[in-house]
């Protein structure tokens, strides 16, 4: 049974926390959590069917960016915006810590290159099953141009 929920998604909340952090890198995680609670309290809670932050997989390993998702889920289940905000902040902090330790996307060594060893097979599969005009369209609209 699908949930009828018009609340922000978990990814929306994460993006908001990220935007606050980018606006002022000196803002503490505690202040960002408080701002999330102030902005979203009283509104609908995020749906539980989609607990993910898809674009974060390119920034850090899943075990880092997903670290706070159990807290987010518990916050949603208990209708607790503070818990949700703490989970979002944990995921943001883990992602930022990973980037500080390893460097931003595109600056990592070959060991952390997720396409290493599968790029030729992926290209072959895409070339075989995806028409050339769709490949070109996807390459033009992709934000991760190489």
C-alpha atoms as a PDB file:
ATOM      1  CA  UNK A   1       0.000   0.000   0.000  1.00  0.00           C
ATOM      2  CA  UNK A   2       1.504   3.315  -1.080  1.00  0.00           C
ATOM      3  CA  UNK A   3       1.691   6.112   1.422  1.00  0.00           C
ATOM      4  CA  UNK A   4      -0.131   9.304   0.561  1.00  0.00           C
ATOM      5  CA  UNK A   5       2.312  11.828   1.870  1.00  0.00           C
ATOM      6  CA  UNK A   6       3.114  15.235   0.535  1.00  0.00           C
ATOM      7  CA  UNK A   7       6.030  15.785   2.896  1.00  0.00           C
ATOM      8  CA  UNK A   8       9.593  16.392   1.780  1.00  0.00           C
ATOM      9  CA  UNK A   9      11.619  13.367   0.776  1.00  0.00           C
ATOM     10  CA  UNK A  10      14.679  12.341   2.750  1.00  0.00           C
ATOM     11  CA  UNK A  11      16.775  13.478  -0.223  1.00  0.00           C
ATOM     12  CA  UNK A  12      15.049  16.908  -0.092  1.00  0.00           C
ATOM     13  CA  UNK A  13      15.972  17.255   3.577  1.00  0.00           C
ATOM     14  CA  UNK A  14      19.559  16.224   2.880  1.00  0.00           C
ATOM     15  CA  UNK A  15      19.814  18.709   0.000  1.00  0.00           C
ATOM     16  CA  UNK A  16      18.498  21.457   2.275  1.00  0.00           C
ATOM     17  CA  UNK A  17      21.090  20.628   4.934  1.00  0.00           C
ATOM     18  CA  UNK A  18      23.775  20.580   2.262  1.00  0.00           C
ATOM     19  CA  UNK A  19      22.649  23.957   0.932  1.00  0.00           C
ATOM     20  CA  UNK A  20      22.792  25.472   4.429  1.00  0.00           C
ATOM     21  CA  UNK A  21      26.295  24.113   4.862  1.00  0.00           C
ATOM     22  CA  UNK A  22      27.403  25.499   1.479  1.00  0.00           C
ATOM     23  CA  UNK A  23      25.887  28.933   2.248  1.00  0.00           C
ATOM     24  CA  UNK A  24      28.047  29.166   5.353  1.00  0.00           C
ATOM     25  CA  UNK A  25      30.698  26.499   5.902  1.00  0.00           C
ATOM     26  CA  UNK A  26      31.164  27.709   9.483  1.00  0.00           C
ATOM     27  CA  UNK A  27      27.582  26.780  10.425  1.00  0.00           C
ATOM     28  CA  UNK A  28      27.668  23.992  12.974  1.00  0.00           C
ATOM     29  CA  UNK A  29      25.889  20.716  12.390  1.00  0.00           C
ATOM     30  CA  UNK A  30      23.817  21.437  15.502  1.00  0.00           C
ATOM     31  CA  UNK A  31      22.628  24.746  14.006  1.00  0.00           C
ATOM     32  CA  UNK A  32      21.758  23.069  10.697  1.00  0.00           C
ATOM     33  CA  UNK A  33      19.757  20.395  12.536  1.00  0.00           C
ATOM     34  CA  UNK A  34      17.902  23.104  14.444  1.00  0.00           C
ATOM     35  CA  UNK A  35      17.122  24.957  11.231  1.00  0.00           C
ATOM     36  CA  UNK A  36      15.766  21.791   9.603  1.00  0.00           C
ATOM     37  CA  UNK A  37      13.511  21.222  12.608  1.00  0.00           C
ATOM     38  CA  UNK A  38      12.286  24.852  12.486  1.00  0.00           C
ATOM     39  CA  UNK A  39      11.653  24.760   8.728  1.00  0.00           C
ATOM     40  CA  UNK A  40       9.865  21.431   8.551  1.00  0.00           C
ATOM     41  CA  UNK A  41       8.121  20.993  11.920  1.00  0.00           C
ATOM     42  CA  UNK A  42       4.372  21.077  11.612  1.00  0.00           C
ATOM     43  CA  UNK A  43       4.486  19.758   8.073  1.00  0.00           C
ATOM     44  CA  UNK A  44       4.059  16.265   6.715  1.00  0.00           C
ATOM     45  CA  UNK A  45       6.778  13.760   7.491  1.00  0.00           C
ATOM     46  CA  UNK A  46       8.927  12.224   4.741  1.00  0.00           C
ATOM     47  CA  UNK A  47       7.649   9.003   3.212  1.00  0.00           C
ATOM     48  CA  UNK A  48       9.302   5.827   4.476  1.00  0.00           C
ATOM     49  CA  UNK A  49       9.161   3.984   1.160  1.00  0.00           C
ATOM     50  CA  UNK A  50      12.077   5.979  -0.243  1.00  0.00           C
ATOM     51  CA  UNK A  51      14.802   6.339   2.370  1.00  0.00           C
ATOM     52  CA  UNK A  52      17.681   7.215   0.107  1.00  0.00           C
ATOM     53  CA  UNK A  53      19.849  10.058  -1.100  1.00  0.00           C
ATOM     54  CA  UNK A  54      20.644   8.908  -4.658  1.00  0.00           C
ATOM     55  CA  UNK A  55      23.157  11.539  -5.738  1.00  0.00           C
ATOM     56  CA  UNK A  56      25.320  10.919  -2.678  1.00  0.00           C
ATOM     57  CA  UNK A  57      26.612   7.621  -4.026  1.00  0.00           C
ATOM     58  CA  UNK A  58      28.908   9.621  -6.294  1.00  0.00           C
ATOM     59  CA  UNK A  59      30.315  11.555  -3.334  1.00  0.00           C
ATOM     60  CA  UNK A  60      30.971   8.858  -0.755  1.00  0.00           C
ATOM     61  CA  UNK A  61      30.517   5.128  -0.182  1.00  0.00           C
ATOM     62  CA  UNK A  62      27.016   4.043   0.784  1.00  0.00           C
ATOM     63  CA  UNK A  63      28.072   3.150   4.320  1.00  0.00           C
ATOM     64  CA  UNK A  64      28.977   6.810   4.857  1.00  0.00           C
ATOM     65  CA  UNK A  65      26.069   8.692   3.297  1.00  0.00           C
ATOM     66  CA  UNK A  66      23.515   6.185   4.582  1.00  0.00           C
ATOM     67  CA  UNK A  67      24.820   6.248   8.177  1.00  0.00           C
ATOM     68  CA  UNK A  68      21.997   8.463   9.415  1.00  0.00           C
ATOM     69  CA  UNK A  69      19.116   6.763   7.608  1.00  0.00           C
ATOM     70  CA  UNK A  70      18.195   4.472  10.537  1.00  0.00           C
ATOM     71  CA  UNK A  71      17.855   7.591  12.699  1.00  0.00           C
ATOM     72  CA  UNK A  72      15.732   9.238  10.017  1.00  0.00           C
ATOM     73  CA  UNK A  73      13.470   6.170   9.823  1.00  0.00           C
ATOM     74  CA  UNK A  74      13.058   6.055  13.585  1.00  0.00           C
ATOM     75  CA  UNK A  75      12.295   9.790  13.603  1.00  0.00           C
ATOM     76  CA  UNK A  76       9.611   9.335  10.939  1.00  0.00           C
ATOM     77  CA  UNK A  77       8.099   6.362  12.784  1.00  0.00           C
ATOM     78  CA  UNK A  78       8.046   8.285  16.072  1.00  0.00           C
ATOM     79  CA  UNK A  79       6.938  11.528  14.374  1.00  0.00           C
ATOM     80  CA  UNK A  80      10.043  13.268  15.743  1.00  0.00           C
ATOM     81  CA  UNK A  81      11.615  16.001  13.614  1.00  0.00           C
ATOM     82  CA  UNK A  82      14.617  16.204  15.956  1.00  0.00           C
ATOM     83  CA  UNK A  83      15.426  12.549  15.260  1.00  0.00           C
ATOM     84  CA  UNK A  84      15.012  13.042  11.535  1.00  0.00           C
ATOM     85  CA  UNK A  85      17.303  16.081  11.595  1.00  0.00           C
ATOM     86  CA  UNK A  86      19.948  14.180  13.594  1.00  0.00           C
ATOM     87  CA  UNK A  87      19.948  11.408  10.996  1.00  0.00           C
ATOM     88  CA  UNK A  88      20.275  13.879   8.122  1.00  0.00           C
ATOM     89  CA  UNK A  89      23.165  15.593   9.914  1.00  0.00           C
ATOM     90  CA  UNK A  90      24.944  12.287  10.567  1.00  0.00           C
ATOM     91  CA  UNK A  91      24.784  11.442   6.850  1.00  0.00           C
ATOM     92  CA  UNK A  92      25.986  14.934   5.914  1.00  0.00           C
ATOM     93  CA  UNK A  93      28.854  14.808   8.395  1.00  0.00           C
ATOM     94  CA  UNK A  94      29.969  11.347   7.247  1.00  0.00           C
ATOM     95  CA  UNK A  95      29.883  12.423   3.595  1.00  0.00           C
ATOM     96  CA  UNK A  96      31.872  15.571   4.308  1.00  0.00           C
ATOM     97  CA  UNK A  97      34.399  13.659   6.421  1.00  0.00           C
ATOM     98  CA  UNK A  98      34.897  11.148   3.609  1.00  0.00           C
ATOM     99  CA  UNK A  99      35.449  13.921   1.067  1.00  0.00           C
ATOM    100  CA  UNK A 100      37.911  15.684   3.382  1.00  0.00           C
ATOM    101  CA  UNK A 101      39.860  12.459   3.862  1.00  0.00           C
ATOM    102  CA  UNK A 102      39.746  11.260   0.248  1.00  0.00           C
ATOM    103  CA  UNK A 103      39.204  14.399  -1.837  1.00  0.00           C
ATOM    104  CA  UNK A 104      36.274  15.411  -3.979  1.00  0.00           C
ATOM    105  CA  UNK A 105      34.818  13.408  -6.815  1.00  0.00           C
ATOM    106  CA  UNK A 106      37.289  13.129  -9.689  1.00  0.00           C
ATOM    107  CA  UNK A 107      40.361  13.640  -7.497  1.00  0.00           C
ATOM    108  CA  UNK A 108      40.538  10.168  -6.002  1.00  0.00           C
ATOM    109  CA  UNK A 109      43.100   7.551  -6.833  1.00  0.00           C
ATOM    110  CA  UNK A 110      42.416   4.495  -9.004  1.00  0.00           C
ATOM    111  CA  UNK A 111      41.651   2.412  -5.938  1.00  0.00           C
ATOM    112  CA  UNK A 112      38.495   4.465  -5.305  1.00  0.00           C
ATOM    113  CA  UNK A 113      37.470   4.708  -8.961  1.00  0.00           C
ATOM    114  CA  UNK A 114      34.120   2.908  -9.121  1.00  0.00           C
ATOM    115  CA  UNK A 115      34.313   2.414 -12.895  1.00  0.00           C
ATOM    116  CA  UNK A 116      37.691   0.688 -12.795  1.00  0.00           C
ATOM    117  CA  UNK A 117      37.452  -2.825 -14.174  1.00  0.00           C
ATOM    118  CA  UNK A 118      33.862  -2.471 -15.386  1.00  0.00           C
ATOM    119  CA  UNK A 119      34.011   0.534 -17.734  1.00  0.00           C
ATOM    120  CA  UNK A 120      34.635  -1.455 -20.919  1.00  0.00           C
ATOM    121  CA  UNK A 121      31.923  -3.990 -20.065  1.00  0.00           C
ATOM    122  CA  UNK A 122      29.493  -1.189 -19.210  1.00  0.00           C
ATOM    123  CA  UNK A 123      30.286   0.640 -22.447  1.00  0.00           C
ATOM    124  CA  UNK A 124      29.828  -2.574 -24.418  1.00  0.00           C
ATOM    125  CA  UNK A 125      26.482  -3.302 -22.742  1.00  0.00           C
ATOM    126  CA  UNK A 126      25.220   0.231 -23.190  1.00  0.00           C
ATOM    127  CA  UNK A 127      26.376   0.271 -26.799  1.00  0.00           C
ATOM    128  CA  UNK A 128      24.619  -3.006 -27.495  1.00  0.00           C
ATOM    129  CA  UNK A 129      21.284  -2.224 -25.853  1.00  0.00           C
ATOM    130  CA  UNK A 130      20.918   1.554 -25.981  1.00  0.00           C
ATOM    131  CA  UNK A 131      20.462   3.242 -29.374  1.00  0.00           C
ATOM    132  CA  UNK A 132      23.242   5.648 -30.275  1.00  0.00           C
ATOM    133  CA  UNK A 133      20.948   8.700 -30.350  1.00  0.00           C
ATOM    134  CA  UNK A 134      19.826   7.997 -26.760  1.00  0.00           C
ATOM    135  CA  UNK A 135      23.451   7.571 -25.661  1.00  0.00           C
ATOM    136  CA  UNK A 136      24.303  10.984 -27.131  1.00  0.00           C
ATOM    137  CA  UNK A 137      21.253  12.551 -25.487  1.00  0.00           C
ATOM    138  CA  UNK A 138      22.196  11.054 -22.114  1.00  0.00           C
ATOM    139  CA  UNK A 139      25.796  12.247 -22.463  1.00  0.00           C
ATOM    140  CA  UNK A 140      24.664  15.797 -23.288  1.00  0.00           C
ATOM    141  CA  UNK A 141      22.261  15.988 -20.342  1.00  0.00           C
ATOM    142  CA  UNK A 142      24.521  14.275 -17.826  1.00  0.00           C
ATOM    143  CA  UNK A 143      25.819  16.554 -15.048  1.00  0.00           C
ATOM    144  CA  UNK A 144      28.861  14.282 -14.565  1.00  0.00           C
ATOM    145  CA  UNK A 145      30.586  14.968 -17.873  1.00  0.00           C
ATOM    146  CA  UNK A 146      34.065  13.545 -18.030  1.00  0.00           C
END
